[in-house]
């Protein structure tokens, strides 16, 4: 068994950092698919009745509730689609983290973590964590980003 030279270590490091194992890639695919589909499930009804989202934003007392309502709709639909495809995944994950952190801060934190003995805002926190995970790890091999990376090589 030979030990790699320092030059080999440097050239292999970026390649290995972008190539997770098949098992890790399968886990990332499952995470992205579930998060993406659930975001679409939340976003489609809002798109069908935008007044639901804009009215909810208005009830929070935030400025520009119409803009914020549409931002929620587009965020859930757009980020859900990007996660399912594994396209622009790190950006989508970062934006999901921002959107869900803002959702928790604006909609859930003022009521407290427990409301009537129930956890308040756990979905927003879980989505934020999913966004953070995907932003930090990337999409894995089984994604549009992974396919584009392989084609560039």
C-alpha atoms as a PDB file:
ATOM      1  CA  UNK A   1       0.000   0.000   0.000  1.00  0.00           C
ATOM      2  CA  UNK A   2       1.431   3.362  -0.955  1.00  0.00           C
ATOM      3  CA  UNK A   3       0.682   6.593   0.791  1.00  0.00           C
ATOM      4  CA  UNK A   4      -0.588   9.449  -1.347  1.00  0.00           C
ATOM      5  CA  UNK A   5       1.743  12.301  -2.034  1.00  0.00           C
ATOM      6  CA  UNK A   6       0.767  15.806  -0.934  1.00  0.00           C
ATOM      7  CA  UNK A   7       0.016  16.647  -4.592  1.00  0.00           C
ATOM      8  CA  UNK A   8      -2.414  13.724  -4.869  1.00  0.00           C
ATOM      9  CA  UNK A   9      -4.150  14.810  -1.647  1.00  0.00           C
ATOM     10  CA  UNK A  10      -4.716  18.319  -3.003  1.00  0.00           C
ATOM     11  CA  UNK A  11      -6.069  17.205  -6.373  1.00  0.00           C
ATOM     12  CA  UNK A  12      -8.327  14.495  -4.952  1.00  0.00           C
ATOM     13  CA  UNK A  13      -9.824  16.648  -2.179  1.00  0.00           C
ATOM     14  CA  UNK A  14     -12.172  18.777  -4.337  1.00  0.00           C
ATOM     15  CA  UNK A  15     -13.316  15.751  -6.332  1.00  0.00           C
ATOM     16  CA  UNK A  16     -14.069  13.753  -3.193  1.00  0.00           C
ATOM     17  CA  UNK A  17     -15.842  16.681  -1.547  1.00  0.00           C
ATOM     18  CA  UNK A  18     -18.323  16.805  -4.454  1.00  0.00           C
ATOM     19  CA  UNK A  19     -18.851  13.047  -4.736  1.00  0.00           C
ATOM     20  CA  UNK A  20     -20.757  11.638  -1.765  1.00  0.00           C
ATOM     21  CA  UNK A  21     -21.098   7.890  -1.472  1.00  0.00           C
ATOM     22  CA  UNK A  22     -24.105   6.249  -3.123  1.00  0.00           C
ATOM     23  CA  UNK A  23     -25.616   5.612   0.305  1.00  0.00           C
ATOM     24  CA  UNK A  24     -25.221   9.257   1.383  1.00  0.00           C
ATOM     25  CA  UNK A  25     -26.576  10.384  -1.994  1.00  0.00           C
ATOM     26  CA  UNK A  26     -29.621   8.154  -1.509  1.00  0.00           C
ATOM     27  CA  UNK A  27     -30.240   9.749   1.883  1.00  0.00           C
ATOM     28  CA  UNK A  28     -29.916  13.239   0.413  1.00  0.00           C
ATOM     29  CA  UNK A  29     -32.285  12.282  -2.408  1.00  0.00           C
ATOM     30  CA  UNK A  30     -34.894  11.066   0.106  1.00  0.00           C
ATOM     31  CA  UNK A  31     -34.496  14.251   2.173  1.00  0.00           C
ATOM     32  CA  UNK A  32     -34.830  16.487  -0.888  1.00  0.00           C
ATOM     33  CA  UNK A  33     -37.826  14.597  -2.297  1.00  0.00           C
ATOM     34  CA  UNK A  34     -39.788  14.587   0.961  1.00  0.00           C
ATOM     35  CA  UNK A  35     -39.031  18.232   1.709  1.00  0.00           C
ATOM     36  CA  UNK A  36     -39.793  19.279  -1.861  1.00  0.00           C
ATOM     37  CA  UNK A  37     -43.089  17.397  -2.102  1.00  0.00           C
ATOM     38  CA  UNK A  38     -44.246  18.691   1.291  1.00  0.00           C
ATOM     39  CA  UNK A  39     -43.396  22.253   0.263  1.00  0.00           C
ATOM     40  CA  UNK A  40     -45.478  21.796  -2.892  1.00  0.00           C
ATOM     41  CA  UNK A  41     -48.343  20.396  -0.797  1.00  0.00           C
ATOM     42  CA  UNK A  42     -48.235  23.610   1.260  1.00  0.00           C
ATOM     43  CA  UNK A  43     -47.783  25.912  -1.728  1.00  0.00           C
ATOM     44  CA  UNK A  44     -50.392  24.635  -4.212  1.00  0.00           C
ATOM     45  CA  UNK A  45     -53.449  25.519  -2.069  1.00  0.00           C
ATOM     46  CA  UNK A  46     -51.993  28.975  -1.505  1.00  0.00           C
ATOM     47  CA  UNK A  47     -51.542  29.420  -5.246  1.00  0.00           C
ATOM     48  CA  UNK A  48     -55.139  28.342  -5.809  1.00  0.00           C
ATOM     49  CA  UNK A  49     -56.313  30.883  -3.211  1.00  0.00           C
ATOM     50  CA  UNK A  50     -53.660  33.615  -2.864  1.00  0.00           C
ATOM     51  CA  UNK A  51     -55.919  35.528  -0.462  1.00  0.00           C
ATOM     52  CA  UNK A  52     -55.221  32.739   2.046  1.00  0.00           C
ATOM     53  CA  UNK A  53     -51.506  33.557   2.075  1.00  0.00           C
ATOM     54  CA  UNK A  54     -51.850  37.337   1.826  1.00  0.00           C
ATOM     55  CA  UNK A  55     -54.555  37.338   4.500  1.00  0.00           C
ATOM     56  CA  UNK A  56     -52.359  35.276   6.799  1.00  0.00           C
ATOM     57  CA  UNK A  57     -49.460  37.665   6.226  1.00  0.00           C
ATOM     58  CA  UNK A  58     -51.773  40.612   6.995  1.00  0.00           C
ATOM     59  CA  UNK A  59     -52.880  38.934  10.233  1.00  0.00           C
ATOM     60  CA  UNK A  60     -49.245  38.925  11.358  1.00  0.00           C
ATOM     61  CA  UNK A  61     -49.153  42.709  11.071  1.00  0.00           C
ATOM     62  CA  UNK A  62     -46.134  42.717   8.770  1.00  0.00           C
ATOM     63  CA  UNK A  63     -45.575  45.485   6.247  1.00  0.00           C
ATOM     64  CA  UNK A  64     -46.447  44.677   2.613  1.00  0.00           C
ATOM     65  CA  UNK A  65     -48.559  41.591   3.382  1.00  0.00           C
ATOM     66  CA  UNK A  66     -49.483  41.078  -0.279  1.00  0.00           C
ATOM     67  CA  UNK A  67     -45.810  40.958  -1.245  1.00  0.00           C
ATOM     68  CA  UNK A  68     -44.980  38.680   1.693  1.00  0.00           C
ATOM     69  CA  UNK A  69     -47.919  36.376   0.880  1.00  0.00           C
ATOM     70  CA  UNK A  70     -46.751  35.961  -2.701  1.00  0.00           C
ATOM     71  CA  UNK A  71     -43.190  35.457  -1.480  1.00  0.00           C
ATOM     72  CA  UNK A  72     -44.465  32.571   0.673  1.00  0.00           C
ATOM     73  CA  UNK A  73     -46.299  31.043  -2.299  1.00  0.00           C
ATOM     74  CA  UNK A  74     -43.387  31.386  -4.703  1.00  0.00           C
ATOM     75  CA  UNK A  75     -40.929  30.198  -2.066  1.00  0.00           C
ATOM     76  CA  UNK A  76     -42.850  27.024  -1.310  1.00  0.00           C
ATOM     77  CA  UNK A  77     -43.506  26.195  -4.965  1.00  0.00           C
ATOM     78  CA  UNK A  78     -40.140  27.273  -6.368  1.00  0.00           C
ATOM     79  CA  UNK A  79     -37.949  25.898  -3.594  1.00  0.00           C
ATOM     80  CA  UNK A  80     -39.956  22.669  -3.496  1.00  0.00           C
ATOM     81  CA  UNK A  81     -39.434  22.195  -7.223  1.00  0.00           C
ATOM     82  CA  UNK A  82     -35.706  22.980  -7.019  1.00  0.00           C
ATOM     83  CA  UNK A  83     -35.228  20.524  -4.157  1.00  0.00           C
ATOM     84  CA  UNK A  84     -37.076  17.746  -5.980  1.00  0.00           C
ATOM     85  CA  UNK A  85     -34.925  18.264  -9.065  1.00  0.00           C
ATOM     86  CA  UNK A  86     -31.735  18.819  -7.089  1.00  0.00           C
ATOM     87  CA  UNK A  87     -31.108  21.991  -9.068  1.00  0.00           C
ATOM     88  CA  UNK A  88     -29.367  25.030  -7.532  1.00  0.00           C
ATOM     89  CA  UNK A  89     -29.661  22.962  -4.388  1.00  0.00           C
ATOM     90  CA  UNK A  90     -27.332  24.839  -2.063  1.00  0.00           C
ATOM     91  CA  UNK A  91     -29.015  28.125  -2.977  1.00  0.00           C
ATOM     92  CA  UNK A  92     -32.471  26.582  -2.565  1.00  0.00           C
ATOM     93  CA  UNK A  93     -31.455  25.168   0.821  1.00  0.00           C
ATOM     94  CA  UNK A  94     -30.159  28.531   1.970  1.00  0.00           C
ATOM     95  CA  UNK A  95     -33.333  30.300   0.831  1.00  0.00           C
ATOM     96  CA  UNK A  96     -35.466  27.649   2.547  1.00  0.00           C
ATOM     97  CA  UNK A  97     -33.509  28.206   5.752  1.00  0.00           C
ATOM     98  CA  UNK A  98     -34.110  31.963   5.504  1.00  0.00           C
ATOM     99  CA  UNK A  99     -37.809  31.622   4.613  1.00  0.00           C
ATOM    100  CA  UNK A 100     -38.608  29.146   7.374  1.00  0.00           C
ATOM    101  CA  UNK A 101     -36.589  31.000   9.996  1.00  0.00           C
ATOM    102  CA  UNK A 102     -38.522  34.158   9.106  1.00  0.00           C
ATOM    103  CA  UNK A 103     -41.778  32.177   9.251  1.00  0.00           C
ATOM    104  CA  UNK A 104     -40.933  30.896  12.714  1.00  0.00           C
ATOM    105  CA  UNK A 105     -39.826  34.302  13.981  1.00  0.00           C
ATOM    106  CA  UNK A 106     -42.845  36.181  12.577  1.00  0.00           C
ATOM    107  CA  UNK A 107     -45.624  33.626  13.026  1.00  0.00           C
ATOM    108  CA  UNK A 108     -44.654  31.233  15.802  1.00  0.00           C
ATOM    109  CA  UNK A 109     -42.099  32.738  18.185  1.00  0.00           C
ATOM    110  CA  UNK A 110     -44.454  35.507  19.435  1.00  0.00           C
ATOM    111  CA  UNK A 111     -46.830  32.810  20.745  1.00  0.00           C
ATOM    112  CA  UNK A 112     -44.075  30.839  22.479  1.00  0.00           C
ATOM    113  CA  UNK A 113     -42.704  27.379  21.854  1.00  0.00           C
ATOM    114  CA  UNK A 114     -45.606  25.615  23.586  1.00  0.00           C
ATOM    115  CA  UNK A 115     -49.213  26.645  22.954  1.00  0.00           C
ATOM    116  CA  UNK A 116     -51.959  24.778  24.806  1.00  0.00           C
ATOM    117  CA  UNK A 117     -49.543  21.939  25.505  1.00  0.00           C
ATOM    118  CA  UNK A 118     -48.634  21.580  21.823  1.00  0.00           C
ATOM    119  CA  UNK A 119     -45.324  22.408  20.173  1.00  0.00           C
ATOM    120  CA  UNK A 120     -45.716  25.576  18.117  1.00  0.00           C
ATOM    121  CA  UNK A 121     -43.934  26.001  14.804  1.00  0.00           C
ATOM    122  CA  UNK A 122     -42.107  22.678  14.653  1.00  0.00           C
ATOM    123  CA  UNK A 123     -42.744  22.381  10.910  1.00  0.00           C
ATOM    124  CA  UNK A 124     -41.040  25.701  10.222  1.00  0.00           C
ATOM    125  CA  UNK A 125     -38.082  24.669  12.382  1.00  0.00           C
ATOM    126  CA  UNK A 126     -37.787  21.276  10.667  1.00  0.00           C
ATOM    127  CA  UNK A 127     -37.949  22.869   7.213  1.00  0.00           C
ATOM    128  CA  UNK A 128     -35.269  25.362   8.281  1.00  0.00           C
ATOM    129  CA  UNK A 129     -33.080  22.451   9.431  1.00  0.00           C
ATOM    130  CA  UNK A 130     -33.691  20.608   6.141  1.00  0.00           C
ATOM    131  CA  UNK A 131     -32.677  23.761   4.270  1.00  0.00           C
ATOM    132  CA  UNK A 132     -29.521  24.101   6.355  1.00  0.00           C
ATOM    133  CA  UNK A 133     -28.623  20.448   5.805  1.00  0.00           C
ATOM    134  CA  UNK A 134     -29.005  20.656   2.029  1.00  0.00           C
ATOM    135  CA  UNK A 135     -27.189  24.009   1.905  1.00  0.00           C
ATOM    136  CA  UNK A 136     -24.219  22.512   3.753  1.00  0.00           C
ATOM    137  CA  UNK A 137     -24.087  19.070   2.112  1.00  0.00           C
ATOM    138  CA  UNK A 138     -25.257  19.748  -1.422  1.00  0.00           C
ATOM    139  CA  UNK A 139     -27.673  17.561  -3.349  1.00  0.00           C
ATOM    140  CA  UNK A 140     -25.721  14.319  -3.716  1.00  0.00           C
ATOM    141  CA  UNK A 141     -25.108  12.321  -6.902  1.00  0.00           C
ATOM    142  CA  UNK A 142     -28.762  11.742  -7.749  1.00  0.00           C
ATOM    143  CA  UNK A 143     -29.636  15.306  -8.720  1.00  0.00           C
ATOM    144  CA  UNK A 144     -29.567  17.730 -11.611  1.00  0.00           C
ATOM    145  CA  UNK A 145     -26.634  19.481  -9.916  1.00  0.00           C
ATOM    146  CA  UNK A 146     -24.773  16.158  -9.674  1.00  0.00           C
ATOM    147  CA  UNK A 147     -25.452  15.422 -13.339  1.00  0.00           C
ATOM    148  CA  UNK A 148     -24.193  18.871 -14.370  1.00  0.00           C
ATOM    149  CA  UNK A 149     -21.061  18.418 -12.265  1.00  0.00           C
ATOM    150  CA  UNK A 150     -20.319  15.040 -13.863  1.00  0.00           C
ATOM    151  CA  UNK A 151     -20.791  16.480 -17.360  1.00  0.00           C
ATOM    152  CA  UNK A 152     -18.311  19.288 -16.650  1.00  0.00           C
ATOM    153  CA  UNK A 153     -15.563  16.790 -15.819  1.00  0.00           C
END
